[in-house]
Amino acid sequence: MQLHADRSKPALVHADTLPWLDSPQQGVQRKMLERAGGEVAVASSIVRYAPRSRFAHHAHALGEEFFVLSGTFSDEHGHYPAGSYVRNPPGSSHSPFSSEGCVIYVKLRQMAPSQDRRVVVTPEQMPWAPDGCAPECQQAMLYADALETVRLLRLDAGCTIPARSVPGGEELLVIDGAVSVPGTGHMLGSWSWIRQPLPPLPALHSISGALLWVKRGHLHGRV
């Protein structure tokens, strides 16, 4: 399958309008945002686990990262409630399940071999601090290295993030609330996903507040 597979090109998906597609594992469904390959693929998806569903033990040769949107995601290493961010590095393996059901945003096979550190950030550990780009914006840095950064951005009502130049591009998922792209008519609601490989990146404005998952720097030269 090739879905928004050319990561050198911009993409916009309103995932709330997509149908849930069954995965090969009973009780696990997904909304595909980008994908290059079959069941083993470079992929970004929103995945829903029904209560008491599980996946068989499997490895992540090129890594996995996920953010828990709702419910609690679990594996043999721990339990990750809504708002948790996890990076499982290349070569890691696990047996995921969810007792109560959950929804996660997950990225597969998008790590470099050097990104070999496992990361778990739970909601109570979020390092909120002023973002600096706008007084009404706070950020929680989840991961940073020479290749990429991953953060949450919390926008108060009326906040505008100005247009910016980010080497390596930017990808974001609206977790909650909504943002508009001034001058374009685009409105990005909950579960809207946008990929912008090249600068300049457009301004974003939130009328009533929003929470964004943002990854920067990972697209240029690694597409």
N, C-alpha and C. Protein backbone atom coordinates (compact mmCIF):
# COMPACT_ATOMS: atom_id res chain seq x y z
N MET A 1 0.84 -1.20 0.00
CA MET A 1 0.00 0.00 0.00
C MET A 1 0.87 1.25 0.00
N GLN A 2 0.48 2.21 -0.80
CA GLN A 2 1.15 3.50 -0.85
C GLN A 2 0.11 4.58 -0.55
N LEU A 3 0.21 5.18 0.63
CA LEU A 3 -0.73 6.22 1.06
C LEU A 3 0.08 7.40 1.61
N HIS A 4 0.04 8.53 0.90
CA HIS A 4 0.89 9.67 1.28
C HIS A 4 2.31 9.19 1.56
N ALA A 5 2.78 8.28 0.72
CA ALA A 5 4.05 7.60 0.99
C ALA A 5 5.27 8.45 0.66
N ASP A 6 5.12 9.45 -0.21
CA ASP A 6 6.25 10.32 -0.54
C ASP A 6 6.37 11.39 0.53
N ARG A 7 7.29 11.17 1.46
CA ARG A 7 7.39 12.06 2.61
C ARG A 7 8.13 13.35 2.30
N SER A 8 8.50 13.55 1.03
CA SER A 8 9.04 14.83 0.61
C SER A 8 7.93 15.79 0.19
N LYS A 9 6.68 15.31 0.21
CA LYS A 9 5.53 16.12 -0.20
C LYS A 9 4.62 16.38 1.00
N PRO A 10 3.97 17.55 1.02
CA PRO A 10 3.04 17.83 2.11
C PRO A 10 1.81 16.94 2.04
N ALA A 11 1.17 16.76 3.18
CA ALA A 11 -0.06 15.95 3.26
C ALA A 11 -0.95 16.51 4.35
N LEU A 12 -2.25 16.37 4.15
CA LEU A 12 -3.24 16.79 5.14
C LEU A 12 -4.34 15.75 5.18
N VAL A 13 -4.64 15.24 6.37
CA VAL A 13 -5.67 14.23 6.55
C VAL A 13 -6.55 14.63 7.73
N HIS A 14 -7.86 14.64 7.54
CA HIS A 14 -8.80 14.84 8.64
C HIS A 14 -9.25 13.45 9.09
N ALA A 15 -8.53 12.90 10.04
CA ALA A 15 -8.74 11.49 10.40
C ALA A 15 -10.11 11.24 11.01
N ASP A 16 -10.75 12.27 11.56
CA ASP A 16 -12.08 12.04 12.14
C ASP A 16 -13.09 11.66 11.07
N THR A 17 -12.79 11.93 9.80
CA THR A 17 -13.72 11.58 8.72
C THR A 17 -13.41 10.22 8.10
N LEU A 18 -12.32 9.59 8.49
CA LEU A 18 -11.93 8.31 7.91
C LEU A 18 -12.65 7.16 8.61
N PRO A 19 -12.93 6.09 7.89
CA PRO A 19 -13.53 4.91 8.53
C PRO A 19 -12.48 4.14 9.33
N TRP A 20 -12.94 3.39 10.32
CA TRP A 20 -12.07 2.46 11.02
C TRP A 20 -11.92 1.20 10.17
N LEU A 21 -10.68 0.81 9.92
CA LEU A 21 -10.39 -0.38 9.13
C LEU A 21 -9.88 -1.49 10.03
N ASP A 22 -10.39 -2.70 9.83
CA ASP A 22 -9.94 -3.83 10.65
C ASP A 22 -8.48 -4.16 10.34
N SER A 23 -7.71 -4.42 11.38
CA SER A 23 -6.35 -4.94 11.22
C SER A 23 -6.43 -6.46 11.21
N PRO A 24 -5.33 -7.15 10.93
CA PRO A 24 -5.36 -8.62 10.99
C PRO A 24 -5.64 -9.16 12.38
N GLN A 25 -5.47 -8.33 13.41
CA GLN A 25 -5.69 -8.77 14.79
C GLN A 25 -7.11 -8.43 15.22
N GLN A 26 -7.87 -9.40 15.66
CA GLN A 26 -9.26 -9.15 16.07
C GLN A 26 -9.31 -8.13 17.19
N GLY A 27 -10.23 -7.18 17.07
CA GLY A 27 -10.42 -6.17 18.10
C GLY A 27 -9.55 -4.95 17.95
N VAL A 28 -8.71 -4.92 16.92
CA VAL A 28 -7.81 -3.78 16.70
C VAL A 28 -8.13 -3.19 15.33
N GLN A 29 -8.47 -1.90 15.32
CA GLN A 29 -8.80 -1.20 14.08
C GLN A 29 -7.91 0.03 13.94
N ARG A 30 -7.86 0.59 12.73
CA ARG A 30 -6.96 1.71 12.52
C ARG A 30 -7.49 2.66 11.45
N LYS A 31 -7.03 3.89 11.55
CA LYS A 31 -7.21 4.91 10.53
C LYS A 31 -5.82 5.23 10.00
N MET A 32 -5.59 5.01 8.73
CA MET A 32 -4.25 5.17 8.16
C MET A 32 -4.03 6.60 7.68
N LEU A 33 -2.93 7.20 8.11
CA LEU A 33 -2.57 8.56 7.73
C LEU A 33 -1.51 8.57 6.64
N GLU A 34 -0.47 7.78 6.82
CA GLU A 34 0.55 7.60 5.79
C GLU A 34 1.05 6.17 5.90
N ARG A 35 1.40 5.58 4.75
CA ARG A 35 1.80 4.17 4.77
C ARG A 35 2.57 3.84 3.50
N ALA A 36 3.67 3.12 3.66
CA ALA A 36 4.45 2.61 2.54
C ALA A 36 4.81 1.17 2.86
N GLY A 37 4.02 0.22 2.31
CA GLY A 37 4.26 -1.19 2.58
C GLY A 37 3.00 -1.91 2.97
N GLY A 38 3.14 -3.20 3.27
CA GLY A 38 2.01 -4.04 3.66
C GLY A 38 1.81 -4.01 5.17
N GLU A 39 1.78 -5.20 5.79
CA GLU A 39 1.62 -5.22 7.25
C GLU A 39 2.91 -4.83 7.96
N VAL A 40 4.04 -4.97 7.28
CA VAL A 40 5.31 -4.41 7.76
C VAL A 40 5.57 -3.17 6.92
N ALA A 41 5.38 -1.97 7.52
CA ALA A 41 5.36 -0.76 6.72
C ALA A 41 5.89 0.43 7.51
N VAL A 42 6.42 1.38 6.77
CA VAL A 42 6.61 2.72 7.32
C VAL A 42 5.21 3.32 7.41
N ALA A 43 4.76 3.63 8.61
CA ALA A 43 3.35 3.99 8.76
C ALA A 43 3.13 4.94 9.93
N SER A 44 2.13 5.80 9.76
CA SER A 44 1.58 6.60 10.84
C SER A 44 0.07 6.37 10.84
N SER A 45 -0.49 6.01 11.99
CA SER A 45 -1.90 5.61 12.06
C SER A 45 -2.49 6.00 13.40
N ILE A 46 -3.80 6.12 13.42
CA ILE A 46 -4.55 6.15 14.68
C ILE A 46 -5.15 4.77 14.85
N VAL A 47 -4.85 4.13 15.97
CA VAL A 47 -5.21 2.73 16.19
C VAL A 47 -6.12 2.62 17.41
N ARG A 48 -7.19 1.84 17.26
CA ARG A 48 -8.16 1.64 18.35
C ARG A 48 -8.15 0.19 18.80
N TYR A 49 -7.92 -0.01 20.08
CA TYR A 49 -7.99 -1.33 20.71
C TYR A 49 -9.34 -1.46 21.42
N ALA A 50 -10.10 -2.48 21.10
CA ALA A 50 -11.32 -2.77 21.86
C ALA A 50 -10.94 -3.27 23.25
N PRO A 51 -11.85 -3.16 24.23
CA PRO A 51 -11.54 -3.72 25.55
C PRO A 51 -11.15 -5.19 25.46
N ARG A 52 -10.11 -5.54 26.20
CA ARG A 52 -9.59 -6.91 26.32
C ARG A 52 -8.99 -7.43 25.00
N SER A 53 -8.59 -6.53 24.12
CA SER A 53 -7.93 -6.96 22.89
C SER A 53 -6.42 -6.92 23.08
N ARG A 54 -5.71 -7.67 22.22
CA ARG A 54 -4.26 -7.73 22.35
C ARG A 54 -3.63 -8.10 21.01
N PHE A 55 -2.36 -7.77 20.88
CA PHE A 55 -1.56 -8.16 19.73
C PHE A 55 -0.57 -9.22 20.16
N ALA A 56 -0.27 -10.15 19.27
CA ALA A 56 0.76 -11.14 19.55
C ALA A 56 2.12 -10.46 19.69
N HIS A 57 3.01 -11.14 20.38
CA HIS A 57 4.36 -10.61 20.58
C HIS A 57 5.01 -10.32 19.22
N HIS A 58 5.61 -9.13 19.10
CA HIS A 58 6.26 -8.77 17.84
C HIS A 58 7.39 -7.80 18.10
N ALA A 59 8.30 -7.72 17.14
CA ALA A 59 9.46 -6.85 17.24
C ALA A 59 9.28 -5.62 16.37
N HIS A 60 10.03 -4.56 16.72
CA HIS A 60 10.04 -3.32 15.94
C HIS A 60 11.46 -3.08 15.46
N ALA A 61 11.76 -3.61 14.28
CA ALA A 61 13.14 -3.54 13.78
C ALA A 61 13.62 -2.11 13.60
N LEU A 62 12.71 -1.21 13.21
CA LEU A 62 13.07 0.19 13.01
C LEU A 62 12.29 1.11 13.96
N GLY A 63 11.88 0.56 15.10
CA GLY A 63 11.30 1.38 16.15
C GLY A 63 9.82 1.66 16.03
N GLU A 64 9.29 2.14 17.14
CA GLU A 64 7.87 2.51 17.25
C GLU A 64 7.77 3.66 18.24
N GLU A 65 6.94 4.62 17.95
CA GLU A 65 6.61 5.64 18.95
C GLU A 65 5.10 5.83 18.93
N PHE A 66 4.55 6.13 20.11
CA PHE A 66 3.10 6.33 20.17
C PHE A 66 2.74 7.30 21.27
N PHE A 67 1.57 7.93 21.08
CA PHE A 67 0.96 8.81 22.06
C PHE A 67 -0.43 8.27 22.33
N VAL A 68 -0.79 8.11 23.60
CA VAL A 68 -2.08 7.53 23.97
C VAL A 68 -3.13 8.65 23.97
N LEU A 69 -4.10 8.55 23.07
CA LEU A 69 -5.14 9.56 22.95
C LEU A 69 -6.27 9.36 23.95
N SER A 70 -6.62 8.11 24.24
CA SER A 70 -7.66 7.83 25.22
C SER A 70 -7.48 6.42 25.75
N GLY A 71 -8.06 6.15 26.93
CA GLY A 71 -7.95 4.83 27.52
C GLY A 71 -6.56 4.56 28.06
N THR A 72 -6.24 3.28 28.25
CA THR A 72 -4.93 2.86 28.75
C THR A 72 -4.38 1.76 27.85
N PHE A 73 -3.19 2.00 27.33
CA PHE A 73 -2.47 1.04 26.51
C PHE A 73 -1.47 0.32 27.41
N SER A 74 -1.29 -0.98 27.21
CA SER A 74 -0.42 -1.75 28.10
C SER A 74 0.44 -2.72 27.30
N ASP A 75 1.56 -3.11 27.90
CA ASP A 75 2.35 -4.24 27.43
C ASP A 75 3.06 -4.81 28.65
N GLU A 76 3.97 -5.77 28.43
CA GLU A 76 4.62 -6.41 29.57
C GLU A 76 5.56 -5.47 30.32
N HIS A 77 5.81 -4.29 29.74
CA HIS A 77 6.71 -3.34 30.38
C HIS A 77 5.99 -2.32 31.25
N GLY A 78 4.65 -2.18 31.08
CA GLY A 78 3.94 -1.21 31.89
C GLY A 78 2.58 -0.85 31.33
N HIS A 79 1.94 0.11 31.99
CA HIS A 79 0.63 0.62 31.59
C HIS A 79 0.77 2.11 31.29
N TYR A 80 0.15 2.55 30.21
CA TYR A 80 0.34 3.91 29.73
C TYR A 80 -1.02 4.58 29.54
N PRO A 81 -1.42 5.43 30.48
CA PRO A 81 -2.74 6.07 30.40
C PRO A 81 -2.78 7.16 29.35
N ALA A 82 -3.97 7.66 29.09
CA ALA A 82 -4.15 8.74 28.12
C ALA A 82 -3.21 9.88 28.44
N GLY A 83 -2.56 10.40 27.41
CA GLY A 83 -1.60 11.48 27.58
C GLY A 83 -0.17 11.01 27.71
N SER A 84 0.07 9.70 27.61
CA SER A 84 1.44 9.16 27.72
C SER A 84 2.11 9.12 26.34
N TYR A 85 3.43 9.34 26.36
CA TYR A 85 4.25 9.25 25.14
C TYR A 85 5.31 8.19 25.36
N VAL A 86 5.48 7.29 24.37
CA VAL A 86 6.42 6.18 24.50
C VAL A 86 7.19 6.03 23.19
N ARG A 87 8.51 5.80 23.33
CA ARG A 87 9.36 5.43 22.21
C ARG A 87 9.97 4.06 22.50
N ASN A 88 9.69 3.10 21.64
CA ASN A 88 10.33 1.79 21.70
C ASN A 88 11.38 1.74 20.59
N PRO A 89 12.66 1.64 20.93
CA PRO A 89 13.73 1.83 19.95
C PRO A 89 13.86 0.68 18.97
N PRO A 90 14.63 0.86 17.91
CA PRO A 90 14.88 -0.22 16.96
C PRO A 90 15.39 -1.47 17.66
N GLY A 91 14.80 -2.62 17.27
CA GLY A 91 15.18 -3.89 17.87
C GLY A 91 14.39 -4.28 19.09
N SER A 92 13.51 -3.40 19.58
CA SER A 92 12.69 -3.72 20.75
C SER A 92 11.53 -4.62 20.35
N SER A 93 10.89 -5.22 21.35
CA SER A 93 9.73 -6.08 21.10
C SER A 93 8.80 -6.02 22.30
N HIS A 94 7.54 -6.35 22.06
CA HIS A 94 6.56 -6.36 23.16
C HIS A 94 5.30 -7.10 22.72
N SER A 95 4.41 -7.28 23.72
CA SER A 95 3.10 -7.92 23.51
C SER A 95 2.02 -6.95 23.98
N PRO A 96 1.56 -6.04 23.13
CA PRO A 96 0.63 -5.00 23.57
C PRO A 96 -0.79 -5.51 23.78
N PHE A 97 -1.50 -4.84 24.70
CA PHE A 97 -2.90 -5.16 24.95
C PHE A 97 -3.56 -3.96 25.61
N SER A 98 -4.88 -4.01 25.73
CA SER A 98 -5.61 -2.99 26.46
C SER A 98 -6.79 -3.63 27.17
N SER A 99 -6.81 -3.54 28.47
CA SER A 99 -7.90 -4.13 29.25
C SER A 99 -9.19 -3.34 29.09
N GLU A 100 -9.09 -2.02 29.13
CA GLU A 100 -10.29 -1.17 29.07
C GLU A 100 -10.58 -0.64 27.68
N GLY A 101 -9.65 -0.84 26.75
CA GLY A 101 -9.75 -0.24 25.43
C GLY A 101 -8.97 1.07 25.38
N CYS A 102 -8.48 1.41 24.22
CA CYS A 102 -7.70 2.64 24.09
C CYS A 102 -7.62 3.06 22.63
N VAL A 103 -7.18 4.29 22.42
CA VAL A 103 -6.86 4.80 21.09
C VAL A 103 -5.47 5.42 21.17
N ILE A 104 -4.60 5.07 20.23
CA ILE A 104 -3.25 5.62 20.21
C ILE A 104 -2.94 6.19 18.83
N TYR A 105 -2.05 7.17 18.82
CA TYR A 105 -1.43 7.63 17.58
C TYR A 105 -0.06 6.98 17.52
N VAL A 106 0.23 6.23 16.47
CA VAL A 106 1.45 5.42 16.44
C VAL A 106 2.19 5.61 15.13
N LYS A 107 3.53 5.66 15.24
CA LYS A 107 4.41 5.77 14.08
C LYS A 107 5.36 4.58 14.10
N LEU A 108 5.46 3.89 12.97
CA LEU A 108 6.25 2.66 12.87
C LEU A 108 7.36 2.79 11.84
N ARG A 109 8.52 2.21 12.17
CA ARG A 109 9.65 2.08 11.25
C ARG A 109 10.15 3.43 10.76
N GLN A 110 10.25 4.40 11.68
CA GLN A 110 10.68 5.74 11.32
C GLN A 110 11.83 6.23 12.19
N MET A 111 12.56 5.32 12.83
CA MET A 111 13.69 5.68 13.68
C MET A 111 15.01 5.28 13.03
N ALA A 112 16.05 6.04 13.34
CA ALA A 112 17.40 5.70 12.92
C ALA A 112 18.00 4.72 13.94
N PRO A 113 18.97 3.90 13.52
CA PRO A 113 19.60 2.97 14.47
C PRO A 113 20.19 3.65 15.69
N SER A 114 20.64 4.90 15.52
CA SER A 114 21.23 5.62 16.65
C SER A 114 20.21 6.04 17.70
N GLN A 115 18.94 5.99 17.36
CA GLN A 115 17.89 6.38 18.32
C GLN A 115 17.51 5.16 19.15
N ASP A 116 18.44 4.77 20.02
CA ASP A 116 18.35 3.49 20.72
C ASP A 116 17.90 3.61 22.17
N ARG A 117 17.34 4.76 22.53
CA ARG A 117 16.92 4.98 23.92
C ARG A 117 15.41 4.82 24.05
N ARG A 118 14.98 4.00 25.00
CA ARG A 118 13.54 3.88 25.27
C ARG A 118 13.11 5.08 26.10
N VAL A 119 11.96 5.62 25.76
CA VAL A 119 11.44 6.82 26.43
C VAL A 119 10.01 6.57 26.84
N VAL A 120 9.68 6.90 28.08
CA VAL A 120 8.30 6.87 28.56
C VAL A 120 8.05 8.17 29.32
N VAL A 121 7.08 8.96 28.87
CA VAL A 121 6.69 10.19 29.55
C VAL A 121 5.20 10.10 29.85
N THR A 122 4.85 10.04 31.12
CA THR A 122 3.45 9.95 31.53
C THR A 122 2.89 11.35 31.77
N PRO A 123 1.57 11.51 31.85
CA PRO A 123 0.99 12.85 31.98
C PRO A 123 1.54 13.65 33.16
N GLU A 124 1.75 12.99 34.30
CA GLU A 124 2.25 13.72 35.47
C GLU A 124 3.71 14.12 35.33
N GLN A 125 4.39 13.59 34.33
CA GLN A 125 5.80 13.93 34.10
C GLN A 125 5.98 14.97 33.00
N MET A 126 4.91 15.46 32.41
CA MET A 126 5.03 16.39 31.30
C MET A 126 5.73 17.68 31.75
N PRO A 127 6.84 18.04 31.10
CA PRO A 127 7.62 19.22 31.52
C PRO A 127 7.11 20.51 30.88
N TRP A 128 5.93 20.96 31.29
CA TRP A 128 5.35 22.14 30.68
C TRP A 128 6.18 23.39 30.99
N ALA A 129 6.38 24.21 29.96
CA ALA A 129 7.15 25.44 30.09
C ALA A 129 6.71 26.39 28.98
N PRO A 130 6.96 27.70 29.14
CA PRO A 130 6.63 28.62 28.05
C PRO A 130 7.34 28.22 26.76
N ASP A 131 6.62 28.32 25.65
CA ASP A 131 7.18 27.90 24.37
C ASP A 131 8.09 28.95 23.76
N GLY A 132 7.79 30.20 23.98
CA GLY A 132 8.61 31.26 23.43
C GLY A 132 8.13 31.79 22.10
N CYS A 133 7.34 31.01 21.37
CA CYS A 133 6.85 31.48 20.07
C CYS A 133 5.65 32.40 20.21
N ALA A 134 4.91 32.26 21.32
CA ALA A 134 3.74 33.09 21.56
C ALA A 134 3.45 33.06 23.06
N PRO A 135 3.04 34.18 23.65
CA PRO A 135 2.81 34.20 25.10
C PRO A 135 1.69 33.29 25.56
N GLU A 136 0.76 32.94 24.66
CA GLU A 136 -0.37 32.09 25.04
C GLU A 136 -0.10 30.62 24.76
N CYS A 137 1.17 30.24 24.57
CA CYS A 137 1.51 28.87 24.19
C CYS A 137 2.52 28.28 25.17
N GLN A 138 2.27 27.03 25.59
CA GLN A 138 3.21 26.28 26.41
C GLN A 138 3.62 25.02 25.66
N GLN A 139 4.82 24.53 25.98
CA GLN A 139 5.28 23.30 25.36
C GLN A 139 5.75 22.31 26.41
N ALA A 140 5.64 21.03 26.08
CA ALA A 140 6.23 19.96 26.88
C ALA A 140 7.12 19.16 25.93
N MET A 141 8.43 19.28 26.09
CA MET A 141 9.37 18.57 25.22
C MET A 141 9.39 17.10 25.63
N LEU A 142 9.06 16.23 24.68
CA LEU A 142 8.98 14.80 24.95
C LEU A 142 10.25 14.06 24.55
N TYR A 143 10.92 14.55 23.50
CA TYR A 143 12.13 13.89 23.02
C TYR A 143 12.90 14.87 22.15
N ALA A 144 14.23 14.82 22.24
CA ALA A 144 15.06 15.68 21.39
C ALA A 144 16.41 15.01 21.17
N ASP A 145 16.85 14.99 19.93
CA ASP A 145 18.21 14.59 19.59
C ASP A 145 18.63 15.37 18.35
N ALA A 146 19.76 15.00 17.75
CA ALA A 146 20.26 15.75 16.60
C ALA A 146 19.39 15.57 15.36
N LEU A 147 18.52 14.56 15.36
CA LEU A 147 17.71 14.26 14.18
C LEU A 147 16.31 14.84 14.24
N GLU A 148 15.75 14.97 15.45
CA GLU A 148 14.35 15.38 15.55
C GLU A 148 14.02 15.83 16.95
N THR A 149 12.90 16.55 17.06
CA THR A 149 12.31 16.87 18.36
C THR A 149 10.85 16.48 18.33
N VAL A 150 10.32 16.11 19.50
CA VAL A 150 8.90 15.78 19.64
C VAL A 150 8.40 16.52 20.87
N ARG A 151 7.29 17.22 20.74
CA ARG A 151 6.76 18.00 21.85
C ARG A 151 5.24 18.07 21.76
N LEU A 152 4.64 18.45 22.88
CA LEU A 152 3.25 18.87 22.91
C LEU A 152 3.22 20.38 22.95
N LEU A 153 2.29 20.98 22.23
CA LEU A 153 2.04 22.41 22.31
C LEU A 153 0.62 22.62 22.82
N ARG A 154 0.49 23.43 23.86
CA ARG A 154 -0.82 23.75 24.42
C ARG A 154 -1.11 25.21 24.13
N LEU A 155 -2.11 25.45 23.30
CA LEU A 155 -2.46 26.80 22.87
C LEU A 155 -3.68 27.28 23.63
N ASP A 156 -3.55 28.44 24.26
CA ASP A 156 -4.71 29.06 24.89
C ASP A 156 -5.61 29.66 23.81
N ALA A 157 -6.84 29.99 24.20
CA ALA A 157 -7.76 30.64 23.27
C ALA A 157 -7.13 31.93 22.76
N GLY A 158 -7.20 32.13 21.46
CA GLY A 158 -6.66 33.33 20.85
C GLY A 158 -5.19 33.27 20.49
N CYS A 159 -4.54 32.16 20.75
CA CYS A 159 -3.11 32.04 20.49
C CYS A 159 -2.84 31.90 18.99
N THR A 160 -1.82 32.60 18.52
CA THR A 160 -1.34 32.45 17.15
C THR A 160 0.13 32.08 17.17
N ILE A 161 0.47 30.96 16.54
CA ILE A 161 1.86 30.59 16.33
C ILE A 161 2.27 31.16 14.98
N PRO A 162 3.26 32.04 14.94
CA PRO A 162 3.61 32.67 13.67
C PRO A 162 4.21 31.69 12.67
N ALA A 163 4.20 32.07 11.40
CA ALA A 163 4.88 31.28 10.37
C ALA A 163 6.34 31.11 10.77
N ARG A 164 6.93 29.95 10.44
CA ARG A 164 8.25 29.65 10.94
C ARG A 164 9.02 28.81 9.92
N SER A 165 10.33 28.87 10.03
CA SER A 165 11.20 28.06 9.19
C SER A 165 11.84 27.00 10.07
N VAL A 166 11.51 25.74 9.79
CA VAL A 166 11.99 24.61 10.60
C VAL A 166 12.78 23.68 9.69
N PRO A 167 14.11 23.65 9.81
CA PRO A 167 14.88 22.70 9.00
C PRO A 167 14.42 21.27 9.27
N GLY A 168 14.18 20.52 8.21
CA GLY A 168 13.71 19.15 8.38
C GLY A 168 12.22 19.01 8.45
N GLY A 169 11.49 20.12 8.35
CA GLY A 169 10.05 20.04 8.28
C GLY A 169 9.35 19.78 9.61
N GLU A 170 8.04 19.65 9.53
CA GLU A 170 7.20 19.51 10.72
C GLU A 170 6.00 18.62 10.40
N GLU A 171 5.60 17.87 11.40
CA GLU A 171 4.40 17.03 11.34
C GLU A 171 3.62 17.30 12.61
N LEU A 172 2.31 17.44 12.51
CA LEU A 172 1.54 17.65 13.73
C LEU A 172 0.20 16.93 13.66
N LEU A 173 -0.26 16.56 14.83
CA LEU A 173 -1.59 15.97 15.02
C LEU A 173 -2.33 16.81 16.04
N VAL A 174 -3.54 17.23 15.69
CA VAL A 174 -4.38 17.95 16.65
C VAL A 174 -5.00 16.91 17.59
N ILE A 175 -4.61 16.95 18.85
CA ILE A 175 -5.13 16.01 19.84
C ILE A 175 -6.49 16.46 20.34
N ASP A 176 -6.61 17.75 20.59
CA ASP A 176 -7.86 18.28 21.13
C ASP A 176 -8.01 19.71 20.66
N GLY A 177 -9.26 20.17 20.53
CA GLY A 177 -9.50 21.52 20.09
C GLY A 177 -9.36 21.66 18.59
N ALA A 178 -9.01 22.86 18.15
CA ALA A 178 -8.90 23.11 16.71
C ALA A 178 -7.97 24.29 16.48
N VAL A 179 -7.33 24.28 15.30
CA VAL A 179 -6.52 25.42 14.86
C VAL A 179 -6.88 25.72 13.41
N SER A 180 -6.75 26.98 13.04
CA SER A 180 -6.94 27.37 11.65
C SER A 180 -5.60 27.80 11.08
N VAL A 181 -5.53 27.78 9.75
CA VAL A 181 -4.34 28.25 9.04
C VAL A 181 -4.74 29.57 8.38
N PRO A 182 -4.38 30.70 8.99
CA PRO A 182 -4.84 31.99 8.47
C PRO A 182 -4.50 32.18 6.99
N GLY A 183 -5.50 32.71 6.26
CA GLY A 183 -5.30 33.00 4.85
C GLY A 183 -5.57 31.84 3.91
N THR A 184 -5.86 30.65 4.46
CA THR A 184 -6.08 29.48 3.61
C THR A 184 -7.50 28.93 3.69
N GLY A 185 -8.20 29.24 4.76
CA GLY A 185 -9.52 28.65 4.97
C GLY A 185 -9.47 27.27 5.59
N HIS A 186 -8.27 26.73 5.83
CA HIS A 186 -8.15 25.40 6.42
C HIS A 186 -8.43 25.45 7.92
N MET A 187 -9.28 24.56 8.38
CA MET A 187 -9.53 24.38 9.81
C MET A 187 -9.11 22.96 10.18
N LEU A 188 -8.25 22.83 11.17
CA LEU A 188 -7.76 21.53 11.61
C LEU A 188 -8.39 21.22 12.95
N GLY A 189 -9.35 20.28 12.95
CA GLY A 189 -10.00 19.87 14.18
C GLY A 189 -9.29 18.68 14.81
N SER A 190 -9.90 18.13 15.86
CA SER A 190 -9.31 16.98 16.54
C SER A 190 -9.05 15.85 15.55
N TRP A 191 -7.87 15.28 15.66
CA TRP A 191 -7.37 14.19 14.83
C TRP A 191 -7.04 14.63 13.41
N SER A 192 -6.95 15.92 13.15
CA SER A 192 -6.39 16.36 11.88
C SER A 192 -4.88 16.21 11.93
N TRP A 193 -4.31 15.75 10.83
CA TRP A 193 -2.87 15.47 10.74
C TRP A 193 -2.31 16.18 9.53
N ILE A 194 -1.19 16.87 9.73
CA ILE A 194 -0.59 17.62 8.64
C ILE A 194 0.91 17.37 8.62
N ARG A 195 1.45 17.19 7.42
CA ARG A 195 2.88 16.99 7.22
C ARG A 195 3.39 18.08 6.27
N GLN A 196 4.39 18.84 6.75
CA GLN A 196 4.97 19.93 5.96
C GLN A 196 6.48 19.71 5.89
N PRO A 197 6.99 19.10 4.81
CA PRO A 197 8.41 18.76 4.77
C PRO A 197 9.35 19.95 4.63
N LEU A 198 8.88 21.03 3.98
CA LEU A 198 9.77 22.14 3.66
C LEU A 198 9.24 23.45 4.22
N PRO A 199 10.13 24.33 4.68
CA PRO A 199 9.70 25.66 5.11
C PRO A 199 9.34 26.51 3.89
N PRO A 200 8.62 27.62 4.13
CA PRO A 200 8.16 28.08 5.44
C PRO A 200 6.90 27.34 5.88
N LEU A 201 6.76 27.16 7.18
CA LEU A 201 5.58 26.51 7.73
C LEU A 201 4.55 27.58 8.07
N PRO A 202 3.27 27.33 7.79
CA PRO A 202 2.26 28.37 7.94
C PRO A 202 1.97 28.69 9.40
N ALA A 203 1.44 29.89 9.61
CA ALA A 203 0.97 30.27 10.93
C ALA A 203 -0.22 29.40 11.32
N LEU A 204 -0.43 29.26 12.63
CA LEU A 204 -1.57 28.51 13.17
C LEU A 204 -2.25 29.38 14.21
N HIS A 205 -3.58 29.37 14.19
CA HIS A 205 -4.34 30.18 15.15
C HIS A 205 -5.41 29.31 15.80
N SER A 206 -5.56 29.45 17.10
CA SER A 206 -6.61 28.72 17.82
C SER A 206 -7.59 29.70 18.45
N ILE A 207 -8.85 29.57 18.09
CA ILE A 207 -9.87 30.46 18.62
C ILE A 207 -10.21 30.10 20.06
N SER A 208 -10.36 28.81 20.34
CA SER A 208 -10.84 28.38 21.66
C SER A 208 -9.85 27.49 22.41
N GLY A 209 -8.63 27.35 21.90
CA GLY A 209 -7.63 26.51 22.56
C GLY A 209 -7.43 25.20 21.84
N ALA A 210 -6.23 24.64 21.98
CA ALA A 210 -5.92 23.38 21.30
C ALA A 210 -4.72 22.72 21.95
N LEU A 211 -4.62 21.41 21.77
CA LEU A 211 -3.46 20.63 22.18
C LEU A 211 -2.92 19.93 20.95
N LEU A 212 -1.64 20.13 20.64
CA LEU A 212 -1.02 19.60 19.44
C LEU A 212 0.15 18.69 19.79
N TRP A 213 0.30 17.60 19.05
CA TRP A 213 1.51 16.76 19.07
C TRP A 213 2.33 17.18 17.87
N VAL A 214 3.59 17.55 18.10
CA VAL A 214 4.40 18.15 17.03
C VAL A 214 5.76 17.46 16.96
N LYS A 215 6.13 17.01 15.77
CA LYS A 215 7.46 16.46 15.51
C LYS A 215 8.14 17.34 14.46
N ARG A 216 9.40 17.69 14.72
CA ARG A 216 10.13 18.58 13.82
C ARG A 216 11.50 18.01 13.47
N GLY A 217 11.94 18.29 12.24
CA GLY A 217 13.30 17.98 11.83
C GLY A 217 13.51 16.62 11.22
N HIS A 218 12.50 15.78 11.17
CA HIS A 218 12.67 14.37 10.79
C HIS A 218 12.43 14.08 9.32
N LEU A 219 12.00 15.08 8.55
CA LEU A 219 11.60 14.81 7.18
C LEU A 219 12.70 15.07 6.16
N HIS A 220 13.36 16.18 6.24
CA HIS A 220 14.37 16.53 5.25
C HIS A 220 15.55 15.57 5.33
N GLY A 221 15.86 14.95 4.19
CA GLY A 221 16.98 14.02 4.13
C GLY A 221 16.67 12.64 4.65
N ARG A 222 15.42 12.43 5.18
CA ARG A 222 15.06 11.13 5.72
C ARG A 222 13.67 10.75 5.21
N VAL A 223 13.39 11.09 3.96
CA VAL A 223 12.06 10.86 3.41
C VAL A 223 12.06 9.65 2.49
